[in-house]
C-alpha atoms as a PDB file:
ATOM      1  CA  UNK A   1     -25.132  34.918 -15.425  1.00  0.00           C
ATOM      2  CA  UNK A   2     -24.605  35.873 -11.788  1.00  0.00           C
ATOM      3  CA  UNK A   3     -24.634  32.175 -10.744  1.00  0.00           C
ATOM      4  CA  UNK A   4     -22.003  31.314 -13.372  1.00  0.00           C
ATOM      5  CA  UNK A   5     -19.756  34.145 -12.187  1.00  0.00           C
ATOM      6  CA  UNK A   6     -20.131  33.005  -8.572  1.00  0.00           C
ATOM      7  CA  UNK A   7     -19.325  29.402  -9.536  1.00  0.00           C
ATOM      8  CA  UNK A   8     -16.196  30.501 -11.401  1.00  0.00           C
ATOM      9  CA  UNK A   9     -15.150  32.691  -8.480  1.00  0.00           C
ATOM     10  CA  UNK A  10     -15.823  29.868  -5.999  1.00  0.00           C
ATOM     11  CA  UNK A  11     -13.742  27.438  -8.098  1.00  0.00           C
ATOM     12  CA  UNK A  12     -10.905  29.947  -8.412  1.00  0.00           C
ATOM     13  CA  UNK A  13     -11.008  30.642  -4.675  1.00  0.00           C
ATOM     14  CA  UNK A  14     -10.840  26.892  -3.952  1.00  0.00           C
ATOM     15  CA  UNK A  15      -7.851  26.553  -6.291  1.00  0.00           C
ATOM     16  CA  UNK A  16      -6.104  29.421  -4.532  1.00  0.00           C
ATOM     17  CA  UNK A  17      -6.814  27.935  -1.110  1.00  0.00           C
ATOM     18  CA  UNK A  18      -5.454  24.586  -2.290  1.00  0.00           C
ATOM     19  CA  UNK A  19      -2.307  26.266  -3.578  1.00  0.00           C
ATOM     20  CA  UNK A  20      -3.156  25.578  -7.231  1.00  0.00           C
ATOM     21  CA  UNK A  21      -3.190  29.183  -8.394  1.00  0.00           C
ATOM     22  CA  UNK A  22      -1.112  32.290  -7.933  1.00  0.00           C
ATOM     23  CA  UNK A  23      -3.053  35.215  -6.521  1.00  0.00           C
ATOM     24  CA  UNK A  24      -2.227  38.713  -7.707  1.00  0.00           C
ATOM     25  CA  UNK A  25      -2.757  41.252  -4.942  1.00  0.00           C
ATOM     26  CA  UNK A  26      -3.880  44.752  -5.856  1.00  0.00           C
ATOM     27  CA  UNK A  27      -2.099  47.657  -4.154  1.00  0.00           C
ATOM     28  CA  UNK A  28      -3.695  48.292  -0.772  1.00  0.00           C
ATOM     29  CA  UNK A  29      -5.591  44.969  -0.806  1.00  0.00           C
ATOM     30  CA  UNK A  30      -5.136  42.339   1.859  1.00  0.00           C
ATOM     31  CA  UNK A  31      -2.814  39.479   0.939  1.00  0.00           C
ATOM     32  CA  UNK A  32      -4.253  35.934   0.788  1.00  0.00           C
ATOM     33  CA  UNK A  33      -3.978  33.740   3.867  1.00  0.00           C
ATOM     34  CA  UNK A  34      -0.449  32.499   4.471  1.00  0.00           C
ATOM     35  CA  UNK A  35      -1.691  29.028   5.433  1.00  0.00           C
ATOM     36  CA  UNK A  36      -2.183  27.954   1.795  1.00  0.00           C
ATOM     37  CA  UNK A  37       1.353  29.072   0.980  1.00  0.00           C
ATOM     38  CA  UNK A  38       2.753  27.360   4.082  1.00  0.00           C
ATOM     39  CA  UNK A  39       0.889  24.147   3.253  1.00  0.00           C
ATOM     40  CA  UNK A  40       2.208  24.165  -0.326  1.00  0.00           C
ATOM     41  CA  UNK A  41       5.761  24.800   0.902  1.00  0.00           C
ATOM     42  CA  UNK A  42       5.424  21.941   3.401  1.00  0.00           C
ATOM     43  CA  UNK A  43       4.166  19.594   0.661  1.00  0.00           C
ATOM     44  CA  UNK A  44       7.123  20.556  -1.541  1.00  0.00           C
ATOM     45  CA  UNK A  45       9.565  19.787   1.296  1.00  0.00           C
ATOM     46  CA  UNK A  46       7.885  16.428   1.963  1.00  0.00           C
ATOM     47  CA  UNK A  47       8.092  15.577  -1.733  1.00  0.00           C
ATOM     48  CA  UNK A  48      11.788  16.527  -1.865  1.00  0.00           C
ATOM     49  CA  UNK A  49      12.398  14.257   1.138  1.00  0.00           C
ATOM     50  CA  UNK A  50      10.602  11.359  -0.588  1.00  0.00           C
ATOM     51  CA  UNK A  51      12.772  11.956  -3.663  1.00  0.00           C
ATOM     52  CA  UNK A  52      15.954  11.923  -1.539  1.00  0.00           C
ATOM     53  CA  UNK A  53      14.796   8.814   0.328  1.00  0.00           C
ATOM     54  CA  UNK A  54      14.091   7.006  -2.965  1.00  0.00           C
ATOM     55  CA  UNK A  55      17.525   7.800  -4.377  1.00  0.00           C
ATOM     56  CA  UNK A  56      19.111   6.558  -1.126  1.00  0.00           C
ATOM     57  CA  UNK A  57      17.017   3.362  -1.241  1.00  0.00           C
ATOM     58  CA  UNK A  58      18.158   2.748  -4.825  1.00  0.00           C
ATOM     59  CA  UNK A  59      21.828   3.099  -3.799  1.00  0.00           C
ATOM     60  CA  UNK A  60      21.356   0.870  -0.724  1.00  0.00           C
ATOM     61  CA  UNK A  61      19.243  -1.640  -2.721  1.00  0.00           C
ATOM     62  CA  UNK A  62      16.610  -1.302   0.023  1.00  0.00           C
ATOM     63  CA  UNK A  63      13.651  -3.141  -1.509  1.00  0.00           C
ATOM     64  CA  UNK A  64      11.428  -2.461   1.516  1.00  0.00           C
ATOM     65  CA  UNK A  65      11.927   1.285   1.284  1.00  0.00           C
ATOM     66  CA  UNK A  66      11.406   1.205  -2.492  1.00  0.00           C
ATOM     67  CA  UNK A  67       8.183  -0.736  -2.005  1.00  0.00           C
ATOM     68  CA  UNK A  68       6.870   2.069   0.249  1.00  0.00           C
ATOM     69  CA  UNK A  69       8.131   4.908  -1.981  1.00  0.00           C
ATOM     70  CA  UNK A  70       6.875   3.541  -5.324  1.00  0.00           C
ATOM     71  CA  UNK A  71       3.218   3.254  -6.313  1.00  0.00           C
ATOM     72  CA  UNK A  72       1.789  -0.066  -7.508  1.00  0.00           C
ATOM     73  CA  UNK A  73       1.100   1.460 -10.945  1.00  0.00           C
ATOM     74  CA  UNK A  74       4.719   2.621 -11.450  1.00  0.00           C
ATOM     75  CA  UNK A  75       5.887   3.148 -15.019  1.00  0.00           C
ATOM     76  CA  UNK A  76       9.675   3.614 -14.921  1.00  0.00           C
ATOM     77  CA  UNK A  77      11.184   4.651 -18.261  1.00  0.00           C
ATOM     78  CA  UNK A  78      14.975   4.464 -18.194  1.00  0.00           C
ATOM     79  CA  UNK A  79      17.170   6.739 -20.299  1.00  0.00           C
ATOM     80  CA  UNK A  80      17.709   3.846 -22.761  1.00  0.00           C
ATOM     81  CA  UNK A  81      13.894   3.684 -23.307  1.00  0.00           C
ATOM     82  CA  UNK A  82      13.459   0.443 -21.316  1.00  0.00           C
ATOM     83  CA  UNK A  83      10.160   0.549 -19.423  1.00  0.00           C
ATOM     84  CA  UNK A  84       9.643  -1.332 -16.164  1.00  0.00           C
ATOM     85  CA  UNK A  85       6.797  -1.768 -13.744  1.00  0.00           C
ATOM     86  CA  UNK A  86       7.274  -1.746  -9.975  1.00  0.00           C
ATOM     87  CA  UNK A  87       8.010  -5.474  -9.533  1.00  0.00           C
ATOM     88  CA  UNK A  88      10.503  -5.427 -12.426  1.00  0.00           C
ATOM     89  CA  UNK A  89      12.313  -2.312 -11.198  1.00  0.00           C
ATOM     90  CA  UNK A  90      12.612  -3.498  -7.590  1.00  0.00           C
ATOM     91  CA  UNK A  91      13.415  -7.050  -8.744  1.00  0.00           C
ATOM     92  CA  UNK A  92      16.367  -5.906 -10.868  1.00  0.00           C
ATOM     93  CA  UNK A  93      17.756  -3.899  -7.944  1.00  0.00           C
ATOM     94  CA  UNK A  94      17.210  -6.790  -5.525  1.00  0.00           C
ATOM     95  CA  UNK A  95      18.889  -9.267  -7.941  1.00  0.00           C
ATOM     96  CA  UNK A  96      21.757  -6.774  -8.492  1.00  0.00           C
ATOM     97  CA  UNK A  97      21.137  -6.701 -12.252  1.00  0.00           C
ATOM     98  CA  UNK A  98      21.465  -2.954 -11.731  1.00  0.00           C
ATOM     99  CA  UNK A  99      23.443  -1.522  -8.830  1.00  0.00           C
ATOM    100  CA  UNK A 100      23.339   2.215  -8.228  1.00  0.00           C
ATOM    101  CA  UNK A 101      26.686   3.453  -6.891  1.00  0.00           C
ATOM    102  CA  UNK A 102      25.766   7.139  -6.697  1.00  0.00           C
ATOM    103  CA  UNK A 103      22.932   9.453  -7.704  1.00  0.00           C
ATOM    104  CA  UNK A 104      23.599  13.190  -7.571  1.00  0.00           C
ATOM    105  CA  UNK A 105      20.512  15.256  -8.415  1.00  0.00           C
ATOM    106  CA  UNK A 106      20.727  18.948  -9.333  1.00  0.00           C
ATOM    107  CA  UNK A 107      18.459  21.608 -10.813  1.00  0.00           C
ATOM    108  CA  UNK A 108      15.430  20.142  -9.008  1.00  0.00           C
ATOM    109  CA  UNK A 109      12.054  21.828  -9.437  1.00  0.00           C
ATOM    110  CA  UNK A 110       8.932  20.704  -7.583  1.00  0.00           C
ATOM    111  CA  UNK A 111       5.316  21.514  -8.403  1.00  0.00           C
ATOM    112  CA  UNK A 112       2.522  20.337  -6.117  1.00  0.00           C
ATOM    113  CA  UNK A 113      -1.031  20.286  -7.452  1.00  0.00           C
ATOM    114  CA  UNK A 114      -3.241  18.996  -4.671  1.00  0.00           C
ATOM    115  CA  UNK A 115      -2.273  15.351  -4.107  1.00  0.00           C
ATOM    116  CA  UNK A 116      -0.098  15.184  -7.225  1.00  0.00           C
ATOM    117  CA  UNK A 117       3.535  16.241  -7.329  1.00  0.00           C
ATOM    118  CA  UNK A 118       5.749  16.745 -10.366  1.00  0.00           C
ATOM    119  CA  UNK A 119       9.515  16.767  -9.990  1.00  0.00           C
ATOM    120  CA  UNK A 120      11.978  17.717 -12.711  1.00  0.00           C
ATOM    121  CA  UNK A 121      15.727  17.746 -12.479  1.00  0.00           C
ATOM    122  CA  UNK A 122      19.104  16.591 -13.672  1.00  0.00           C
ATOM    123  CA  UNK A 123      20.987  13.689 -12.116  1.00  0.00           C
ATOM    124  CA  UNK A 124      24.488  12.295 -12.475  1.00  0.00           C
ATOM    125  CA  UNK A 125      24.150   8.509 -12.182  1.00  0.00           C
ATOM    126  CA  UNK A 126      26.938   6.010 -11.555  1.00  0.00           C
ATOM    127  CA  UNK A 127      25.732   2.420 -11.768  1.00  0.00           C
ATOM    128  CA  UNK A 128      26.595  -1.057 -12.945  1.00  0.00           C
ATOM    129  CA  UNK A 129      24.151  -2.886 -15.172  1.00  0.00           C
ATOM    130  CA  UNK A 130      24.777  -6.549 -15.899  1.00  0.00           C
ATOM    131  CA  UNK A 131      28.378  -6.000 -14.794  1.00  0.00           C
ATOM    132  CA  UNK A 132      28.978  -2.963 -17.034  1.00  0.00           C
ATOM    133  CA  UNK A 133      30.114   0.164 -15.157  1.00  0.00           C
ATOM    134  CA  UNK A 134      28.355   3.299 -16.436  1.00  0.00           C
ATOM    135  CA  UNK A 135      28.301   6.981 -15.579  1.00  0.00           C
ATOM    136  CA  UNK A 136      25.667   9.113 -17.280  1.00  0.00           C
ATOM    137  CA  UNK A 137      23.824  12.360 -16.792  1.00  0.00           C
ATOM    138  CA  UNK A 138      20.043  12.470 -17.277  1.00  0.00           C
ATOM    139  CA  UNK A 139      17.289  15.044 -17.294  1.00  0.00           C
ATOM    140  CA  UNK A 140      14.211  13.579 -15.659  1.00  0.00           C
ATOM    141  CA  UNK A 141      10.565  14.155 -14.907  1.00  0.00           C
ATOM    142  CA  UNK A 142       8.647  12.128 -12.379  1.00  0.00           C
ATOM    143  CA  UNK A 143       5.160  12.143 -10.936  1.00  0.00           C
ATOM    144  CA  UNK A 144       4.209  11.410  -7.333  1.00  0.00           C
ATOM    145  CA  UNK A 145       0.834  10.844  -5.700  1.00  0.00           C
ATOM    146  CA  UNK A 146       0.208  11.633  -2.038  1.00  0.00           C
ATOM    147  CA  UNK A 147      -1.607   8.702  -0.461  1.00  0.00           C
ATOM    148  CA  UNK A 148      -2.540   8.763   3.205  1.00  0.00           C
ATOM    149  CA  UNK A 149       0.036  11.512   3.784  1.00  0.00           C
ATOM    150  CA  UNK A 150       2.907   9.687   2.036  1.00  0.00           C
ATOM    151  CA  UNK A 151       4.332  10.507  -1.402  1.00  0.00           C
ATOM    152  CA  UNK A 152       4.713   7.618  -3.855  1.00  0.00           C
ATOM    153  CA  UNK A 153       6.346   7.908  -7.264  1.00  0.00           C
ATOM    154  CA  UNK A 154       4.116   6.530 -10.031  1.00  0.00           C
ATOM    155  CA  UNK A 155       6.048   7.605 -13.149  1.00  0.00           C
ATOM    156  CA  UNK A 156       9.675   8.293 -14.094  1.00  0.00           C
ATOM    157  CA  UNK A 157      10.981   9.396 -17.496  1.00  0.00           C
ATOM    158  CA  UNK A 158      14.692  10.034 -18.073  1.00  0.00           C
ATOM    159  CA  UNK A 159      16.604  11.284 -21.102  1.00  0.00           C
ATOM    160  CA  UNK A 160      20.383  11.139 -21.418  1.00  0.00           C
ATOM    161  CA  UNK A 161      22.077  14.514 -21.534  1.00  0.00           C
ATOM    162  CA  UNK A 162      24.609  14.496 -24.390  1.00  0.00           C
END
């Protein structure tokens, strides 16, 4: 029983050190090391920057930047339920089938779990698709993976806000 308790404690301690768990601190007890908190905050800022860079690349139709910022296994679900993979998404932007005029994200929340990041938010989108000018608001969730120190988005799901 003692070995099981130690294994659970060791796993919990590793999760805390990795920033995966919140640590309650008893009155008078020493607080956990600030480095785990600082590392998690840094990862969140890096992920927010990747998100900003991706939105800018979509507006600029920068296929090279999108190629770096999107994972090979991308599943991009638009608010109209159309699903695209990475080549299809970048190809439509490159061919100007869809042209993003502006993307204004708000209400952004970031959660980092090790090398995985989850971003939720709301975005006002102005774009033209097959020549049709559209302005919509969406609530979105996306998933990023940190590979070799760089965040890549691997999933996007958007729902129109009525």
